[in-house]
Amino acid sequence: MTRTELAATAFTRTDRRQLAQALAATRLAREYRRLEAVLLVAEGRSLSESARRVRVARSSVQRWVRQYLASRDAGALGDRPRTGRPRAARQLTDRRLGAVLRRDPRRLGYRTTTWTVALLARHCAERLDCVITPRTLRRCLRECGYRWKRPRYLYTDRAAHLAQKKGLFVVA
């Protein structure tokens, strides 16, 4: 008995149904490709034919079939967490970001009255030791619920002659 025949006989009707349901439910392309390849083998296709159909190496299909048969769980074909560079947004917590935004940029030595994303990113890099790109900072601000609005200038003292300028009363 060849490996293909062995793999095909190892699958049950329940396995095929479970794989088909998982295939219909997934939204991730990688997971879809893996499930489709394993389902094709479960339906009796060869490893090579299945690999050609989903455009991957035959060894990948063989590995996915082994993974599925070891646990009989379609979730075993999902992506595993990957290592990589830690997100800069994790260093910049909501509290730290809120504390910076509550402060006036002029008091921190900047020559502006409002925070811009570029200025805030530069401030985080220089003073908080948190290098973050403006694009990531925008996303972080959005996730924290902050919205950018133009400053609105309000005059605290009205000019005494304002009513006369508006034509509200005539001086006799």
C-alpha atoms as a PDB file:
ATOM      1  CA  MET A   1       0.000   0.000   0.000  1.00  0.00           C
ATOM      2  CA  THR A   2       1.441   3.424  -0.999  1.00  0.00           C
ATOM      3  CA  ARG A   3       1.511   6.494   1.206  1.00  0.00           C
ATOM      4  CA  THR A   4      -1.320   8.036  -0.789  1.00  0.00           C
ATOM      5  CA  GLU A   5      -3.550   5.008  -0.332  1.00  0.00           C
ATOM      6  CA  LEU A   6      -2.615   4.836   3.344  1.00  0.00           C
ATOM      7  CA  ALA A   7      -3.494   8.517   3.814  1.00  0.00           C
ATOM      8  CA  ALA A   8      -6.796   8.102   1.971  1.00  0.00           C
ATOM      9  CA  THR A   9      -7.815   5.117   4.088  1.00  0.00           C
ATOM     10  CA  ALA A  10      -6.828   6.896   7.302  1.00  0.00           C
ATOM     11  CA  PHE A  11      -9.549   9.523   6.789  1.00  0.00           C
ATOM     12  CA  THR A  12     -13.104   8.827   7.934  1.00  0.00           C
ATOM     13  CA  ARG A  13     -16.371  10.282   6.735  1.00  0.00           C
ATOM     14  CA  THR A  14     -16.405  12.443   9.875  1.00  0.00           C
ATOM     15  CA  ASP A  15     -12.962  13.793   8.973  1.00  0.00           C
ATOM     16  CA  ARG A  16     -14.099  14.734   5.489  1.00  0.00           C
ATOM     17  CA  ARG A  17     -17.210  16.464   6.849  1.00  0.00           C
ATOM     18  CA  GLN A  18     -15.186  18.328   9.484  1.00  0.00           C
ATOM     19  CA  LEU A  19     -12.624  19.462   6.897  1.00  0.00           C
ATOM     20  CA  ALA A  20     -15.369  20.640   4.526  1.00  0.00           C
ATOM     21  CA  GLN A  21     -17.049  22.648   7.311  1.00  0.00           C
ATOM     22  CA  ALA A  22     -13.754  24.212   8.355  1.00  0.00           C
ATOM     23  CA  LEU A  23     -12.997  25.036   4.709  1.00  0.00           C
ATOM     24  CA  ALA A  24     -16.340  26.814   4.341  1.00  0.00           C
ATOM     25  CA  ALA A  25     -15.860  28.755   7.580  1.00  0.00           C
ATOM     26  CA  THR A  26     -12.280  29.976   7.196  1.00  0.00           C
ATOM     27  CA  ARG A  27     -11.475  33.467   5.938  1.00  0.00           C
ATOM     28  CA  LEU A  28      -7.691  33.179   5.895  1.00  0.00           C
ATOM     29  CA  ALA A  29      -6.043  32.275   2.584  1.00  0.00           C
ATOM     30  CA  ARG A  30      -3.224  30.218   4.128  1.00  0.00           C
ATOM     31  CA  GLU A  31      -5.591  28.187   6.235  1.00  0.00           C
ATOM     32  CA  TYR A  32      -7.940  27.712   3.265  1.00  0.00           C
ATOM     33  CA  ARG A  33      -5.076  26.355   1.147  1.00  0.00           C
ATOM     34  CA  ARG A  34      -4.064  23.859   3.848  1.00  0.00           C
ATOM     35  CA  LEU A  35      -7.610  22.669   4.470  1.00  0.00           C
ATOM     36  CA  GLU A  36      -8.287  22.297   0.754  1.00  0.00           C
ATOM     37  CA  ALA A  37      -5.116  20.256   0.232  1.00  0.00           C
ATOM     38  CA  VAL A  38      -5.911  17.914   3.136  1.00  0.00           C
ATOM     39  CA  LEU A  39      -9.542  17.576   2.009  1.00  0.00           C
ATOM     40  CA  LEU A  40      -8.420  16.612  -1.496  1.00  0.00           C
ATOM     41  CA  VAL A  41      -6.204  13.875  -0.036  1.00  0.00           C
ATOM     42  CA  ALA A  42      -9.073  12.768   2.213  1.00  0.00           C
ATOM     43  CA  GLU A  43     -11.288  12.444  -0.863  1.00  0.00           C
ATOM     44  CA  GLY A  44      -8.765  10.101  -2.448  1.00  0.00           C
ATOM     45  CA  ARG A  45      -6.580  12.355  -4.569  1.00  0.00           C
ATOM     46  CA  SER A  46      -2.831  11.798  -4.506  1.00  0.00           C
ATOM     47  CA  LEU A  47      -0.446  14.030  -2.589  1.00  0.00           C
ATOM     48  CA  SER A  48       1.126  15.208  -5.846  1.00  0.00           C
ATOM     49  CA  GLU A  49      -2.202  16.040  -7.452  1.00  0.00           C
ATOM     50  CA  SER A  50      -3.363  17.845  -4.328  1.00  0.00           C
ATOM     51  CA  ALA A  51      -0.110  19.824  -4.177  1.00  0.00           C
ATOM     52  CA  ARG A  52      -0.427  20.827  -7.846  1.00  0.00           C
ATOM     53  CA  ARG A  53      -4.017  21.914  -7.344  1.00  0.00           C
ATOM     54  CA  VAL A  54      -3.263  24.234  -4.408  1.00  0.00           C
ATOM     55  CA  ARG A  55       0.144  25.256  -5.838  1.00  0.00           C
ATOM     56  CA  VAL A  56       2.420  24.152  -3.003  1.00  0.00           C
ATOM     57  CA  ALA A  57       5.180  21.594  -2.581  1.00  0.00           C
ATOM     58  CA  ARG A  58       4.239  17.946  -2.170  1.00  0.00           C
ATOM     59  CA  SER A  59       6.145  17.805   1.116  1.00  0.00           C
ATOM     60  CA  SER A  60       3.953  20.592   2.500  1.00  0.00           C
ATOM     61  CA  VAL A  61       0.785  18.640   1.747  1.00  0.00           C
ATOM     62  CA  GLN A  62       2.316  15.550   3.310  1.00  0.00           C
ATOM     63  CA  ARG A  63       3.181  17.537   6.455  1.00  0.00           C
ATOM     64  CA  TRP A  64      -0.352  19.010   6.669  1.00  0.00           C
ATOM     65  CA  VAL A  65      -1.930  15.564   6.323  1.00  0.00           C
ATOM     66  CA  ARG A  66       0.267  14.256   9.150  1.00  0.00           C
ATOM     67  CA  GLN A  67      -0.626  17.254  11.320  1.00  0.00           C
ATOM     68  CA  TYR A  68      -4.330  16.701  10.780  1.00  0.00           C
ATOM     69  CA  LEU A  69      -4.218  12.946  11.322  1.00  0.00           C
ATOM     70  CA  ALA A  70      -2.247  13.368  14.554  1.00  0.00           C
ATOM     71  CA  SER A  71      -5.005  15.420  16.194  1.00  0.00           C
ATOM     72  CA  ARG A  72      -8.086  14.926  13.978  1.00  0.00           C
ATOM     73  CA  ASP A  73      -8.709  18.647  14.433  1.00  0.00           C
ATOM     74  CA  ALA A  74      -8.969  21.136  11.567  1.00  0.00           C
ATOM     75  CA  GLY A  75      -7.650  23.826  13.920  1.00  0.00           C
ATOM     76  CA  ALA A  76      -4.275  22.076  13.856  1.00  0.00           C
ATOM     77  CA  LEU A  77      -3.823  23.441  10.314  1.00  0.00           C
ATOM     78  CA  GLY A  78      -4.171  27.067  11.436  1.00  0.00           C
ATOM     79  CA  ASP A  79      -1.331  29.549  11.725  1.00  0.00           C
ATOM     80  CA  ARG A  80       0.788  29.393  14.834  1.00  0.00           C
ATOM     81  CA  PRO A  81       1.836  32.582  16.625  1.00  0.00           C
ATOM     82  CA  ARG A  82       4.974  33.972  15.042  1.00  0.00           C
ATOM     83  CA  THR A  83       7.929  35.638  16.628  1.00  0.00           C
ATOM     84  CA  GLY A  84       9.082  38.990  15.427  1.00  0.00           C
ATOM     85  CA  ARG A  85       9.810  42.517  16.401  1.00  0.00           C
ATOM     86  CA  PRO A  86       7.635  43.642  19.317  1.00  0.00           C
ATOM     87  CA  ARG A  87       5.047  46.232  18.451  1.00  0.00           C
ATOM     88  CA  ALA A  88       6.050  49.753  19.395  1.00  0.00           C
ATOM     89  CA  ALA A  89       2.454  50.516  20.335  1.00  0.00           C
ATOM     90  CA  ARG A  90       2.787  48.153  23.316  1.00  0.00           C
ATOM     91  CA  GLN A  91       5.463  50.386  24.806  1.00  0.00           C
ATOM     92  CA  LEU A  92       3.240  53.411  24.329  1.00  0.00           C
ATOM     93  CA  THR A  93       0.338  52.635  26.660  1.00  0.00           C
ATOM     94  CA  ASP A  94      -2.923  54.555  26.853  1.00  0.00           C
ATOM     95  CA  ARG A  95      -1.834  56.168  30.112  1.00  0.00           C
ATOM     96  CA  ARG A  96       1.536  57.356  28.782  1.00  0.00           C
ATOM     97  CA  LEU A  97      -0.048  58.663  25.607  1.00  0.00           C
ATOM     98  CA  GLY A  98      -2.801  60.449  27.555  1.00  0.00           C
ATOM     99  CA  ALA A  99      -0.256  62.026  29.905  1.00  0.00           C
ATOM    100  CA  VAL A 100       1.724  63.420  26.979  1.00  0.00           C
ATOM    101  CA  LEU A 101      -1.345  64.680  25.132  1.00  0.00           C
ATOM    102  CA  ARG A 102      -2.631  66.506  28.226  1.00  0.00           C
ATOM    103  CA  ARG A 103       0.553  68.555  28.399  1.00  0.00           C
ATOM    104  CA  ASP A 104       1.042  71.716  26.414  1.00  0.00           C
ATOM    105  CA  PRO A 105       3.787  71.243  23.793  1.00  0.00           C
ATOM    106  CA  ARG A 106       5.099  74.744  24.580  1.00  0.00           C
ATOM    107  CA  ARG A 107       5.884  73.714  28.160  1.00  0.00           C
ATOM    108  CA  LEU A 108       7.963  70.834  26.808  1.00  0.00           C
ATOM    109  CA  GLY A 109      10.074  73.194  24.708  1.00  0.00           C
ATOM    110  CA  TYR A 110       8.294  72.923  21.348  1.00  0.00           C
ATOM    111  CA  ARG A 111       7.325  76.033  19.404  1.00  0.00           C
ATOM    112  CA  THR A 112       3.738  75.032  18.691  1.00  0.00           C
ATOM    113  CA  THR A 113       0.440  75.187  20.535  1.00  0.00           C
ATOM    114  CA  THR A 114      -0.964  71.827  19.435  1.00  0.00           C
ATOM    115  CA  TRP A 115       0.318  68.296  18.995  1.00  0.00           C
ATOM    116  CA  THR A 116       0.742  66.917  15.508  1.00  0.00           C
ATOM    117  CA  VAL A 117       1.345  63.239  14.805  1.00  0.00           C
ATOM    118  CA  ALA A 118       4.860  63.938  13.528  1.00  0.00           C
ATOM    119  CA  LEU A 119       5.710  66.021  16.599  1.00  0.00           C
ATOM    120  CA  LEU A 120       4.237  63.428  18.949  1.00  0.00           C
ATOM    121  CA  ALA A 121       6.217  60.645  17.236  1.00  0.00           C
ATOM    122  CA  ARG A 122       9.407  62.689  17.581  1.00  0.00           C
ATOM    123  CA  HIS A 123       8.647  63.384  21.238  1.00  0.00           C
ATOM    124  CA  CYS A 124       8.061  59.688  21.932  1.00  0.00           C
ATOM    125  CA  ALA A 125      11.346  58.775  20.269  1.00  0.00           C
ATOM    126  CA  GLU A 126      13.411  61.421  22.044  1.00  0.00           C
ATOM    127  CA  ARG A 127      11.927  61.534  25.511  1.00  0.00           C
ATOM    128  CA  LEU A 128      10.042  58.254  26.045  1.00  0.00           C
ATOM    129  CA  ASP A 129      12.535  55.923  24.307  1.00  0.00           C
ATOM    130  CA  CYS A 130       9.720  54.573  22.155  1.00  0.00           C
ATOM    131  CA  VAL A 131      10.540  54.791  18.444  1.00  0.00           C
ATOM    132  CA  ILE A 132       7.238  54.756  16.584  1.00  0.00           C
ATOM    133  CA  THR A 133       6.334  55.713  13.035  1.00  0.00           C
ATOM    134  CA  PRO A 134       3.642  58.326  12.437  1.00  0.00           C
ATOM    135  CA  ARG A 135       1.491  55.700  10.722  1.00  0.00           C
ATOM    136  CA  THR A 136       1.644  53.380  13.740  1.00  0.00           C
ATOM    137  CA  LEU A 137       1.054  56.306  16.064  1.00  0.00           C
ATOM    138  CA  ARG A 138      -2.085  57.274  14.139  1.00  0.00           C
ATOM    139  CA  ARG A 139      -3.364  53.720  14.486  1.00  0.00           C
ATOM    140  CA  CYS A 140      -2.533  53.724  18.199  1.00  0.00           C
ATOM    141  CA  LEU A 141      -4.331  57.050  18.701  1.00  0.00           C
ATOM    142  CA  ARG A 142      -7.378  55.717  16.883  1.00  0.00           C
ATOM    143  CA  GLU A 143      -7.391  52.540  19.011  1.00  0.00           C
ATOM    144  CA  CYS A 144      -7.221  54.657  22.180  1.00  0.00           C
ATOM    145  CA  GLY A 145     -10.229  56.683  21.037  1.00  0.00           C
ATOM    146  CA  TYR A 146      -8.459  59.947  20.247  1.00  0.00           C
ATOM    147  CA  ARG A 147      -9.655  62.072  17.329  1.00  0.00           C
ATOM    148  CA  TRP A 148      -7.820  64.965  15.735  1.00  0.00           C
ATOM    149  CA  LYS A 149      -9.690  68.224  15.445  1.00  0.00           C
ATOM    150  CA  ARG A 150      -8.561  71.672  14.481  1.00  0.00           C
ATOM    151  CA  PRO A 151      -8.152  73.954  17.464  1.00  0.00           C
ATOM    152  CA  ARG A 152     -10.986  76.389  17.929  1.00  0.00           C
ATOM    153  CA  TYR A 153     -10.001  79.852  19.035  1.00  0.00           C
ATOM    154  CA  LEU A 154     -12.331  81.595  21.451  1.00  0.00           C
ATOM    155  CA  TYR A 155     -11.941  85.181  22.530  1.00  0.00           C
ATOM    156  CA  THR A 156     -12.379  85.591  26.251  1.00  0.00           C
ATOM    157  CA  ASP A 157     -12.906  89.370  26.215  1.00  0.00           C
ATOM    158  CA  ARG A 158     -15.165  90.955  23.668  1.00  0.00           C
ATOM    159  CA  ALA A 159     -14.368  94.366  22.361  1.00  0.00           C
ATOM    160  CA  ALA A 160     -16.598  97.092  23.800  1.00  0.00           C
ATOM    161  CA  HIS A 161     -17.433  98.455  20.368  1.00  0.00           C
ATOM    162  CA  LEU A 162     -18.338  95.020  18.895  1.00  0.00           C
ATOM    163  CA  ALA A 163     -22.092  95.621  19.072  1.00  0.00           C
ATOM    164  CA  GLN A 164     -21.697  98.930  17.245  1.00  0.00           C
ATOM    165  CA  LYS A 165     -19.619  97.188  14.552  1.00  0.00           C
ATOM    166  CA  LYS A 166     -22.364  94.613  14.107  1.00  0.00           C
ATOM    167  CA  GLY A 167     -25.014  97.338  13.826  1.00  0.00           C
ATOM    168  CA  LEU A 168     -26.955  96.199  16.866  1.00  0.00           C
ATOM    169  CA  PHE A 169     -27.418  99.682  18.312  1.00  0.00           C
ATOM    170  CA  VAL A 170     -26.757 103.186  17.144  1.00  0.00           C
ATOM    171  CA  VAL A 171     -24.838 105.664  19.261  1.00  0.00           C
ATOM    172  CA  ALA A 172     -26.550 109.043  19.258  1.00  0.00           C
END
